[in-house]
Amino acid sequence: MTKQQTVVLDFMRTQFIHPTAETVWEGVKDKLPGISLATVYRNLHRLCDDGLVRQISMPDGSNRFDGNLSGHWHMQCLSCREVYDLPAQALKAPDGFQVYGDDVVLKCLCSKCKAKV
């Protein structure tokens, strides 16, 4: 694993905010001066390919990344766009189907935004 991949992975394992690639770039550029956003994207995709990080396609069209590989789903607030973890629920596939994974993102209004309404 390259030094850049190690720094990006270390950052991802300490974040629970489901960062965009831009946020990861902001978070690692002090440790990796001169790193480009394109390099962060490449490293994130490599880490995803290696099964060390997950990419999440959000309802707002953004791509977020998650270093938490435990079985869980996500919720995205439609107002503030924050992303939250949600424990995965056991689902049974119909007979004859083989499930290989899931990517569930619920659209919600978080408690902070709901209190403003």
C-alpha atoms as a PDB file:
ATOM      1  CA  MET A   1       0.000   0.000   0.000  1.00  0.00           C
ATOM      2  CA  THR A   2       1.371   3.424  -0.900  1.00  0.00           C
ATOM      3  CA  LYS A   3       1.900   6.186   1.638  1.00  0.00           C
ATOM      4  CA  GLN A   4      -0.946   8.146   0.033  1.00  0.00           C
ATOM      5  CA  GLN A   5      -3.325   5.192   0.313  1.00  0.00           C
ATOM      6  CA  THR A   6      -2.309   4.662   3.941  1.00  0.00           C
ATOM      7  CA  VAL A   7      -2.967   8.307   4.859  1.00  0.00           C
ATOM      8  CA  VAL A   8      -6.324   8.324   3.032  1.00  0.00           C
ATOM      9  CA  LEU A   9      -7.349   5.039   4.691  1.00  0.00           C
ATOM     10  CA  ASP A  10      -6.287   6.279   8.139  1.00  0.00           C
ATOM     11  CA  PHE A  11      -8.373   9.415   7.591  1.00  0.00           C
ATOM     12  CA  MET A  12     -11.382   7.350   6.493  1.00  0.00           C
ATOM     13  CA  ARG A  13     -11.166   5.078   9.533  1.00  0.00           C
ATOM     14  CA  THR A  14     -11.382   8.071  11.879  1.00  0.00           C
ATOM     15  CA  GLN A  15     -14.282   9.828  10.137  1.00  0.00           C
ATOM     16  CA  PHE A  16     -17.933   9.196  10.795  1.00  0.00           C
ATOM     17  CA  ILE A  17     -19.197  12.008   8.580  1.00  0.00           C
ATOM     18  CA  HIS A  18     -19.295  10.047   5.312  1.00  0.00           C
ATOM     19  CA  PRO A  19     -17.026  12.527   3.537  1.00  0.00           C
ATOM     20  CA  THR A  20     -16.932  13.447  -0.118  1.00  0.00           C
ATOM     21  CA  ALA A  21     -13.609  13.110  -1.935  1.00  0.00           C
ATOM     22  CA  GLU A  22     -13.196  16.880  -1.530  1.00  0.00           C
ATOM     23  CA  THR A  23     -13.564  16.572   2.250  1.00  0.00           C
ATOM     24  CA  VAL A  24     -11.024  13.741   2.311  1.00  0.00           C
ATOM     25  CA  TRP A  25      -8.630  15.899   0.270  1.00  0.00           C
ATOM     26  CA  GLU A  26      -9.053  18.766   2.778  1.00  0.00           C
ATOM     27  CA  GLY A  27      -8.411  16.307   5.617  1.00  0.00           C
ATOM     28  CA  VAL A  28      -5.205  14.767   4.243  1.00  0.00           C
ATOM     29  CA  LYS A  29      -3.423  17.608   2.475  1.00  0.00           C
ATOM     30  CA  ASP A  30      -1.600  18.709   5.648  1.00  0.00           C
ATOM     31  CA  LYS A  31      -0.012  15.255   5.902  1.00  0.00           C
ATOM     32  CA  LEU A  32       0.467  14.997   2.143  1.00  0.00           C
ATOM     33  CA  PRO A  33       1.410  18.468   0.876  1.00  0.00           C
ATOM     34  CA  GLY A  34       0.934  18.730  -2.846  1.00  0.00           C
ATOM     35  CA  ILE A  35      -1.567  15.875  -3.123  1.00  0.00           C
ATOM     36  CA  SER A  36      -4.138  16.602  -5.793  1.00  0.00           C
ATOM     37  CA  LEU A  37      -7.867  16.008  -5.625  1.00  0.00           C
ATOM     38  CA  ALA A  38      -7.502  13.615  -8.578  1.00  0.00           C
ATOM     39  CA  THR A  39      -4.996  11.548  -6.581  1.00  0.00           C
ATOM     40  CA  VAL A  40      -7.418  11.401  -3.644  1.00  0.00           C
ATOM     41  CA  TYR A  41     -10.163  10.188  -6.000  1.00  0.00           C
ATOM     42  CA  ARG A  42      -7.866   7.501  -7.439  1.00  0.00           C
ATOM     43  CA  ASN A  43      -6.845   6.329  -3.980  1.00  0.00           C
ATOM     44  CA  LEU A  44     -10.421   6.255  -2.706  1.00  0.00           C
ATOM     45  CA  HIS A  45     -11.516   4.184  -5.697  1.00  0.00           C
ATOM     46  CA  ARG A  46      -8.565   1.824  -5.220  1.00  0.00           C
ATOM     47  CA  LEU A  47      -9.460   1.423  -1.536  1.00  0.00           C
ATOM     48  CA  CYS A  48     -13.061   0.697  -2.587  1.00  0.00           C
ATOM     49  CA  ASP A  49     -11.855  -1.877  -5.117  1.00  0.00           C
ATOM     50  CA  ASP A  50      -9.752  -3.482  -2.376  1.00  0.00           C
ATOM     51  CA  GLY A  51     -12.783  -3.631  -0.042  1.00  0.00           C
ATOM     52  CA  LEU A  52     -11.301  -1.255   2.545  1.00  0.00           C
ATOM     53  CA  VAL A  53     -13.683   1.670   1.981  1.00  0.00           C
ATOM     54  CA  ARG A  54     -17.246   1.865   0.672  1.00  0.00           C
ATOM     55  CA  GLN A  55     -18.610   4.349  -1.845  1.00  0.00           C
ATOM     56  CA  ILE A  56     -22.199   5.465  -1.281  1.00  0.00           C
ATOM     57  CA  SER A  57     -24.291   7.083  -4.008  1.00  0.00           C
ATOM     58  CA  MET A  58     -26.541   9.558  -2.219  1.00  0.00           C
ATOM     59  CA  PRO A  59     -30.067  10.685  -3.192  1.00  0.00           C
ATOM     60  CA  ASP A  60     -28.763  14.233  -3.764  1.00  0.00           C
ATOM     61  CA  GLY A  61     -26.413  12.912  -6.463  1.00  0.00           C
ATOM     62  CA  SER A  62     -23.214  13.187  -4.427  1.00  0.00           C
ATOM     63  CA  ASN A  63     -20.826  10.325  -3.792  1.00  0.00           C
ATOM     64  CA  ARG A  64     -19.753   9.795  -0.208  1.00  0.00           C
ATOM     65  CA  PHE A  65     -17.197   7.404   1.214  1.00  0.00           C
ATOM     66  CA  ASP A  66     -17.408   5.283   4.350  1.00  0.00           C
ATOM     67  CA  GLY A  67     -14.596   3.616   6.257  1.00  0.00           C
ATOM     68  CA  ASN A  68     -17.056   1.730   8.466  1.00  0.00           C
ATOM     69  CA  LEU A  69     -17.518  -1.631   6.788  1.00  0.00           C
ATOM     70  CA  SER A  70     -19.874  -3.101   9.371  1.00  0.00           C
ATOM     71  CA  GLY A  71     -23.326  -4.027   8.149  1.00  0.00           C
ATOM     72  CA  HIS A  72     -25.307  -0.802   8.159  1.00  0.00           C
ATOM     73  CA  TRP A  73     -27.410   1.413   5.952  1.00  0.00           C
ATOM     74  CA  HIS A  74     -27.525   5.178   5.608  1.00  0.00           C
ATOM     75  CA  MET A  75     -29.957   8.059   5.952  1.00  0.00           C
ATOM     76  CA  GLN A  76     -29.463  11.463   4.333  1.00  0.00           C
ATOM     77  CA  CYS A  77     -31.258  14.548   5.598  1.00  0.00           C
ATOM     78  CA  LEU A  78     -33.063  16.264   2.737  1.00  0.00           C
ATOM     79  CA  SER A  79     -32.436  19.660   4.337  1.00  0.00           C
ATOM     80  CA  CYS A  80     -28.852  19.795   5.675  1.00  0.00           C
ATOM     81  CA  ARG A  81     -27.546  16.836   3.552  1.00  0.00           C
ATOM     82  CA  GLU A  82     -25.826  15.205   6.550  1.00  0.00           C
ATOM     83  CA  VAL A  83     -25.484  11.423   6.350  1.00  0.00           C
ATOM     84  CA  TYR A  84     -26.208   9.147   9.287  1.00  0.00           C
ATOM     85  CA  ASP A  85     -25.647   5.443   9.928  1.00  0.00           C
ATOM     86  CA  LEU A  86     -28.612   3.161  10.456  1.00  0.00           C
ATOM     87  CA  PRO A  87     -28.306  -0.452  11.656  1.00  0.00           C
ATOM     88  CA  ALA A  88     -29.122  -2.816   8.779  1.00  0.00           C
ATOM     89  CA  GLN A  89     -32.329  -4.782   8.990  1.00  0.00           C
ATOM     90  CA  ALA A  90     -32.502  -8.420   8.032  1.00  0.00           C
ATOM     91  CA  LEU A  91     -34.363  -8.867   4.772  1.00  0.00           C
ATOM     92  CA  LYS A  92     -35.259 -12.152   3.140  1.00  0.00           C
ATOM     93  CA  ALA A  93     -34.970 -12.370  -0.623  1.00  0.00           C
ATOM     94  CA  PRO A  94     -37.702 -14.220  -2.517  1.00  0.00           C
ATOM     95  CA  ASP A  95     -37.037 -17.880  -3.250  1.00  0.00           C
ATOM     96  CA  GLY A  96     -34.675 -18.373  -6.153  1.00  0.00           C
ATOM     97  CA  PHE A  97     -32.811 -15.064  -5.657  1.00  0.00           C
ATOM     98  CA  GLN A  98     -29.201 -14.747  -4.517  1.00  0.00           C
ATOM     99  CA  VAL A  99     -28.362 -11.466  -2.739  1.00  0.00           C
ATOM    100  CA  TYR A 100     -24.756 -10.263  -2.980  1.00  0.00           C
ATOM    101  CA  GLY A 101     -25.000  -7.038  -1.032  1.00  0.00           C
ATOM    102  CA  ASP A 102     -27.103  -4.002  -0.360  1.00  0.00           C
ATOM    103  CA  ASP A 103     -26.843  -0.256  -0.627  1.00  0.00           C
ATOM    104  CA  VAL A 104     -29.769   1.317   1.199  1.00  0.00           C
ATOM    105  CA  VAL A 105     -30.017   5.075   1.647  1.00  0.00           C
ATOM    106  CA  LEU A 106     -33.145   6.453   3.272  1.00  0.00           C
ATOM    107  CA  LYS A 107     -34.220  10.040   2.678  1.00  0.00           C
ATOM    108  CA  CYS A 108     -35.094  11.729   5.940  1.00  0.00           C
ATOM    109  CA  LEU A 109     -35.330  14.948   7.878  1.00  0.00           C
ATOM    110  CA  CYS A 110     -32.852  14.828  10.772  1.00  0.00           C
ATOM    111  CA  SER A 111     -33.900  15.806  14.284  1.00  0.00           C
ATOM    112  CA  LYS A 112     -32.098  19.185  14.081  1.00  0.00           C
ATOM    113  CA  CYS A 113     -33.790  20.149  10.818  1.00  0.00           C
ATOM    114  CA  LYS A 114     -37.151  18.777  11.951  1.00  0.00           C
ATOM    115  CA  ALA A 115     -36.978  21.000  15.047  1.00  0.00           C
ATOM    116  CA  LYS A 116     -36.624  24.052  12.769  1.00  0.00           C
ATOM    117  CA  VAL A 117     -39.848  23.242  10.893  1.00  0.00           C
END
